[in-house]
C-alpha atoms as a PDB file:
ATOM      1  CA  MET A   1     -43.528 -42.174  75.173  1.00  0.00           C
ATOM      2  CA  LYS A   2     -45.185 -38.752  74.979  1.00  0.00           C
ATOM      3  CA  TYR A   3     -45.411 -38.698  78.797  1.00  0.00           C
ATOM      4  CA  LEU A   4     -41.675 -39.482  79.128  1.00  0.00           C
ATOM      5  CA  LEU A   5     -40.733 -36.726  76.696  1.00  0.00           C
ATOM      6  CA  THR A   6     -42.933 -34.239  78.582  1.00  0.00           C
ATOM      7  CA  CYS A   7     -41.266 -35.222  81.893  1.00  0.00           C
ATOM      8  CA  ILE A   8     -37.796 -34.695  80.411  1.00  0.00           C
ATOM      9  CA  VAL A   9     -38.746 -31.238  79.088  1.00  0.00           C
ATOM     10  CA  VAL A  10     -40.249 -30.223  82.459  1.00  0.00           C
ATOM     11  CA  ILE A  11     -37.161 -31.411  84.364  1.00  0.00           C
ATOM     12  CA  PHE A  12     -34.933 -29.480  81.955  1.00  0.00           C
ATOM     13  CA  ILE A  13     -36.986 -26.306  82.447  1.00  0.00           C
ATOM     14  CA  LEU A  14     -37.078 -26.673  86.236  1.00  0.00           C
ATOM     15  CA  SER A  15     -33.326 -27.195  86.363  1.00  0.00           C
ATOM     16  CA  GLY A  16     -32.909 -23.686  84.973  1.00  0.00           C
ATOM     17  CA  CYS A  17     -31.716 -24.912  81.609  1.00  0.00           C
ATOM     18  CA  SER A  18     -28.242 -25.162  83.075  1.00  0.00           C
ATOM     19  CA  ILE A  19     -27.127 -28.653  82.233  1.00  0.00           C
ATOM     20  CA  GLY A  20     -23.340 -28.346  82.278  1.00  0.00           C
ATOM     21  CA  GLY A  21     -23.555 -24.566  82.302  1.00  0.00           C
ATOM     22  CA  SER A  22     -22.390 -21.827  84.602  1.00  0.00           C
ATOM     23  CA  SER A  23     -24.517 -19.787  86.926  1.00  0.00           C
ATOM     24  CA  GLU A  24     -25.052 -16.051  86.481  1.00  0.00           C
ATOM     25  CA  SER A  25     -22.646 -15.323  89.364  1.00  0.00           C
ATOM     26  CA  ASP A  26     -19.955 -17.500  87.733  1.00  0.00           C
ATOM     27  CA  TYR A  27     -20.417 -15.548  84.502  1.00  0.00           C
ATOM     28  CA  ASN A  28     -20.175 -12.196  86.333  1.00  0.00           C
ATOM     29  CA  GLU A  29     -17.024 -13.376  88.147  1.00  0.00           C
ATOM     30  CA  ILE A  30     -15.388 -14.316  84.835  1.00  0.00           C
ATOM     31  CA  ARG A  31     -16.442 -11.026  83.236  1.00  0.00           C
ATOM     32  CA  LEU A  32     -15.032  -9.002  86.143  1.00  0.00           C
ATOM     33  CA  GLY A  33     -11.803 -11.026  86.101  1.00  0.00           C
ATOM     34  CA  ASP A  34     -11.418 -10.403  82.374  1.00  0.00           C
ATOM     35  CA  GLU A  35     -11.992  -6.675  82.948  1.00  0.00           C
ATOM     36  CA  ALA A  36      -9.236  -6.681  85.583  1.00  0.00           C
ATOM     37  CA  ILE A  37      -6.877  -8.500  83.186  1.00  0.00           C
ATOM     38  CA  ALA A  38      -7.575  -5.971  80.431  1.00  0.00           C
ATOM     39  CA  LYS A  39      -6.933  -3.109  82.881  1.00  0.00           C
ATOM     40  CA  VAL A  40      -3.516  -4.553  83.839  1.00  0.00           C
ATOM     41  CA  ILE A  41      -2.512  -5.074  80.216  1.00  0.00           C
ATOM     42  CA  LEU A  42      -3.540  -1.551  79.255  1.00  0.00           C
ATOM     43  CA  GLU A  43      -1.829   0.130  82.217  1.00  0.00           C
ATOM     44  CA  THR A  44       1.401  -1.924  81.963  1.00  0.00           C
ATOM     45  CA  SER A  45       1.592  -2.008  78.136  1.00  0.00           C
ATOM     46  CA  ARG A  46       1.993  -5.811  78.189  1.00  0.00           C
ATOM     47  CA  PHE A  47       0.058  -6.206  74.940  1.00  0.00           C
ATOM     48  CA  GLU A  48       1.536  -9.637  74.160  1.00  0.00           C
ATOM     49  CA  PHE A  49      -0.685 -11.177  76.883  1.00  0.00           C
ATOM     50  CA  PRO A  50      -4.320 -12.191  76.277  1.00  0.00           C
ATOM     51  CA  THR A  51      -6.850  -9.621  77.498  1.00  0.00           C
ATOM     52  CA  LYS A  52      -9.024 -12.448  78.850  1.00  0.00           C
ATOM     53  CA  GLU A  53      -8.159 -15.453  80.979  1.00  0.00           C
ATOM     54  CA  GLY A  54      -6.308 -17.865  78.713  1.00  0.00           C
ATOM     55  CA  LYS A  55      -3.121 -18.322  76.722  1.00  0.00           C
ATOM     56  CA  THR A  56      -1.638 -17.318  73.391  1.00  0.00           C
ATOM     57  CA  GLU A  57       1.607 -17.849  71.509  1.00  0.00           C
ATOM     58  CA  GLY A  58       3.876 -15.012  70.522  1.00  0.00           C
ATOM     59  CA  ILE A  59       7.346 -13.527  70.688  1.00  0.00           C
ATOM     60  CA  ILE A  60       9.004 -12.421  73.921  1.00  0.00           C
ATOM     61  CA  LEU A  61      10.760  -9.145  73.180  1.00  0.00           C
ATOM     62  CA  GLY A  62      13.969  -9.199  75.176  1.00  0.00           C
ATOM     63  CA  GLY A  63      16.738  -6.749  75.840  1.00  0.00           C
ATOM     64  CA  GLY A  64      20.223  -6.641  74.417  1.00  0.00           C
ATOM     65  CA  PRO A  65      21.630  -4.764  71.415  1.00  0.00           C
ATOM     66  CA  VAL A  66      19.097  -3.468  68.887  1.00  0.00           C
ATOM     67  CA  PRO A  67      16.819  -5.074  67.772  1.00  0.00           C
ATOM     68  CA  GLY A  68      17.002  -7.073  71.013  1.00  0.00           C
ATOM     69  CA  LEU A  69      16.188 -10.708  71.662  1.00  0.00           C
ATOM     70  CA  ARG A  70      13.190 -12.301  69.949  1.00  0.00           C
ATOM     71  CA  ILE A  71      12.262 -15.509  71.781  1.00  0.00           C
ATOM     72  CA  PRO A  72       9.268 -17.687  70.777  1.00  0.00           C
ATOM     73  CA  GLY A  73       7.015 -18.090  73.775  1.00  0.00           C
ATOM     74  CA  GLU A  74       3.597 -18.545  75.272  1.00  0.00           C
ATOM     75  CA  PHE A  75       1.726 -15.973  77.326  1.00  0.00           C
ATOM     76  CA  THR A  76      -0.989 -16.681  79.908  1.00  0.00           C
ATOM     77  CA  SER A  77      -3.332 -14.383  81.791  1.00  0.00           C
ATOM     78  CA  ALA A  78      -5.207 -15.493  84.905  1.00  0.00           C
ATOM     79  CA  ALA A  79      -7.513 -13.758  87.387  1.00  0.00           C
ATOM     80  CA  MET A  80      -8.315 -14.659  90.977  1.00  0.00           C
ATOM     81  CA  ARG A  81     -10.619 -12.705  93.258  1.00  0.00           C
ATOM     82  CA  GLU A  82      -8.777 -11.772  96.446  1.00  0.00           C
ATOM     83  CA  ASP A  83     -11.707 -10.068  98.167  1.00  0.00           C
ATOM     84  CA  LYS A  84     -14.874  -8.158  97.308  1.00  0.00           C
ATOM     85  CA  ASP A  85     -13.043  -5.283  95.613  1.00  0.00           C
ATOM     86  CA  THR A  86      -9.706  -6.799  94.567  1.00  0.00           C
ATOM     87  CA  PHE A  87      -8.453  -9.204  91.922  1.00  0.00           C
ATOM     88  CA  VAL A  88      -4.965 -10.686  91.671  1.00  0.00           C
ATOM     89  CA  ILE A  89      -3.948 -10.923  88.035  1.00  0.00           C
ATOM     90  CA  THR A  90      -1.068 -13.202  87.067  1.00  0.00           C
ATOM     91  CA  LEU A  91       0.694 -12.758  83.742  1.00  0.00           C
ATOM     92  CA  THR A  92       3.159 -15.543  82.917  1.00  0.00           C
ATOM     93  CA  GLU A  93       5.478 -15.985  79.947  1.00  0.00           C
ATOM     94  CA  TYR A  94       6.949 -19.369  78.984  1.00  0.00           C
ATOM     95  CA  TRP A  95       9.851 -20.215  76.673  1.00  0.00           C
ATOM     96  CA  SER A  96      12.178 -23.094  75.882  1.00  0.00           C
ATOM     97  CA  SER A  97      15.618 -23.157  77.497  1.00  0.00           C
ATOM     98  CA  ASP A  98      16.869 -24.122  74.021  1.00  0.00           C
ATOM     99  CA  ASP A  99      15.961 -20.569  72.923  1.00  0.00           C
ATOM    100  CA  PHE A 100      17.101 -18.613  75.988  1.00  0.00           C
ATOM    101  CA  GLN A 101      18.685 -19.385  79.350  1.00  0.00           C
ATOM    102  CA  ASP A 102      21.115 -17.923  81.831  1.00  0.00           C
ATOM    103  CA  GLU A 103      23.873 -19.763  83.658  1.00  0.00           C
ATOM    104  CA  ASN A 104      21.465 -20.865  86.424  1.00  0.00           C
ATOM    105  CA  SER A 105      18.751 -22.290  84.136  1.00  0.00           C
ATOM    106  CA  PRO A 106      18.223 -26.018  83.802  1.00  0.00           C
ATOM    107  CA  GLU A 107      18.840 -27.319  80.275  1.00  0.00           C
ATOM    108  CA  GLU A 108      16.186 -28.746  77.961  1.00  0.00           C
ATOM    109  CA  THR A 109      13.156 -27.493  79.816  1.00  0.00           C
ATOM    110  CA  ILE A 110      10.407 -24.907  79.683  1.00  0.00           C
ATOM    111  CA  LEU A 111      11.230 -21.771  81.655  1.00  0.00           C
ATOM    112  CA  SER A 112       8.807 -19.139  82.908  1.00  0.00           C
ATOM    113  CA  HIS A 113       8.581 -15.726  84.510  1.00  0.00           C
ATOM    114  CA  TYR A 114       5.487 -14.195  86.119  1.00  0.00           C
ATOM    115  CA  TRP A 115       4.105 -10.882  87.324  1.00  0.00           C
ATOM    116  CA  LYS A 116       1.268 -10.646  89.865  1.00  0.00           C
ATOM    117  CA  TYR A 117      -0.768  -7.479  90.109  1.00  0.00           C
ATOM    118  CA  ARG A 118      -3.372  -6.394  92.656  1.00  0.00           C
ATOM    119  CA  VAL A 119      -6.218  -4.661  90.868  1.00  0.00           C
ATOM    120  CA  THR A 120      -8.987  -2.491  92.303  1.00  0.00           C
ATOM    121  CA  ASP A 121     -11.313  -0.053  90.565  1.00  0.00           C
ATOM    122  CA  SER A 122      -8.786   2.727  91.124  1.00  0.00           C
ATOM    123  CA  GLU A 123      -5.359   1.051  91.080  1.00  0.00           C
ATOM    124  CA  VAL A 124      -3.079  -1.506  89.428  1.00  0.00           C
ATOM    125  CA  GLU A 125      -0.131  -2.381  91.667  1.00  0.00           C
ATOM    126  CA  LEU A 126       2.702  -4.834  90.994  1.00  0.00           C
ATOM    127  CA  HIS A 127       2.497  -7.221  93.937  1.00  0.00           C
ATOM    128  CA  GLU A 128       5.059  -9.904  93.084  1.00  0.00           C
ATOM    129  CA  GLU A 129       7.429 -10.915  90.294  1.00  0.00           C
ATOM    130  CA  GLY A 130       9.413 -14.109  89.993  1.00  0.00           C
ATOM    131  CA  GLY A 131      10.413 -17.243  88.171  1.00  0.00           C
ATOM    132  CA  ASP A 132      13.285 -17.763  85.794  1.00  0.00           C
ATOM    133  CA  PHE A 133      15.467 -14.948  84.439  1.00  0.00           C
ATOM    134  CA  SER A 134      13.330 -13.388  81.688  1.00  0.00           C
ATOM    135  CA  PRO A 135      14.696 -12.382  78.273  1.00  0.00           C
ATOM    136  CA  GLU A 136      13.096  -8.997  79.037  1.00  0.00           C
ATOM    137  CA  HIS A 137      15.688  -8.418  81.784  1.00  0.00           C
ATOM    138  CA  VAL A 138      18.696  -8.675  79.451  1.00  0.00           C
ATOM    139  CA  GLU A 139      20.451  -5.305  79.216  1.00  0.00           C
END
């Protein structure tokens, strides 16, 4: 029994103690992606979105007469490395069509709108925007 326990400990040590874990490069990739997300949020003032990859609930602040629309929603932030020096950050908001829709929206569904940004050390650039008509676009 003692021999079996010793073998298990040695195998665990030789495996780099990474049973089910991430490698150092995976960790660095996540950290850099989160830094790119935080940079986009800071530079675009989209503070309702999480500053790390993930999702959170909140209120979509829409346009219209003061105080404007207030739509319950969910916000997600995601990072994808495009090349050595560039990340593509996608910010997406989701809401129920029961709470807000335009004449082209399907009924009784979850709607969404997204923004994709290209991020380098020196620049944040809006690359693409799309999805359903966002409450933010109401005038």
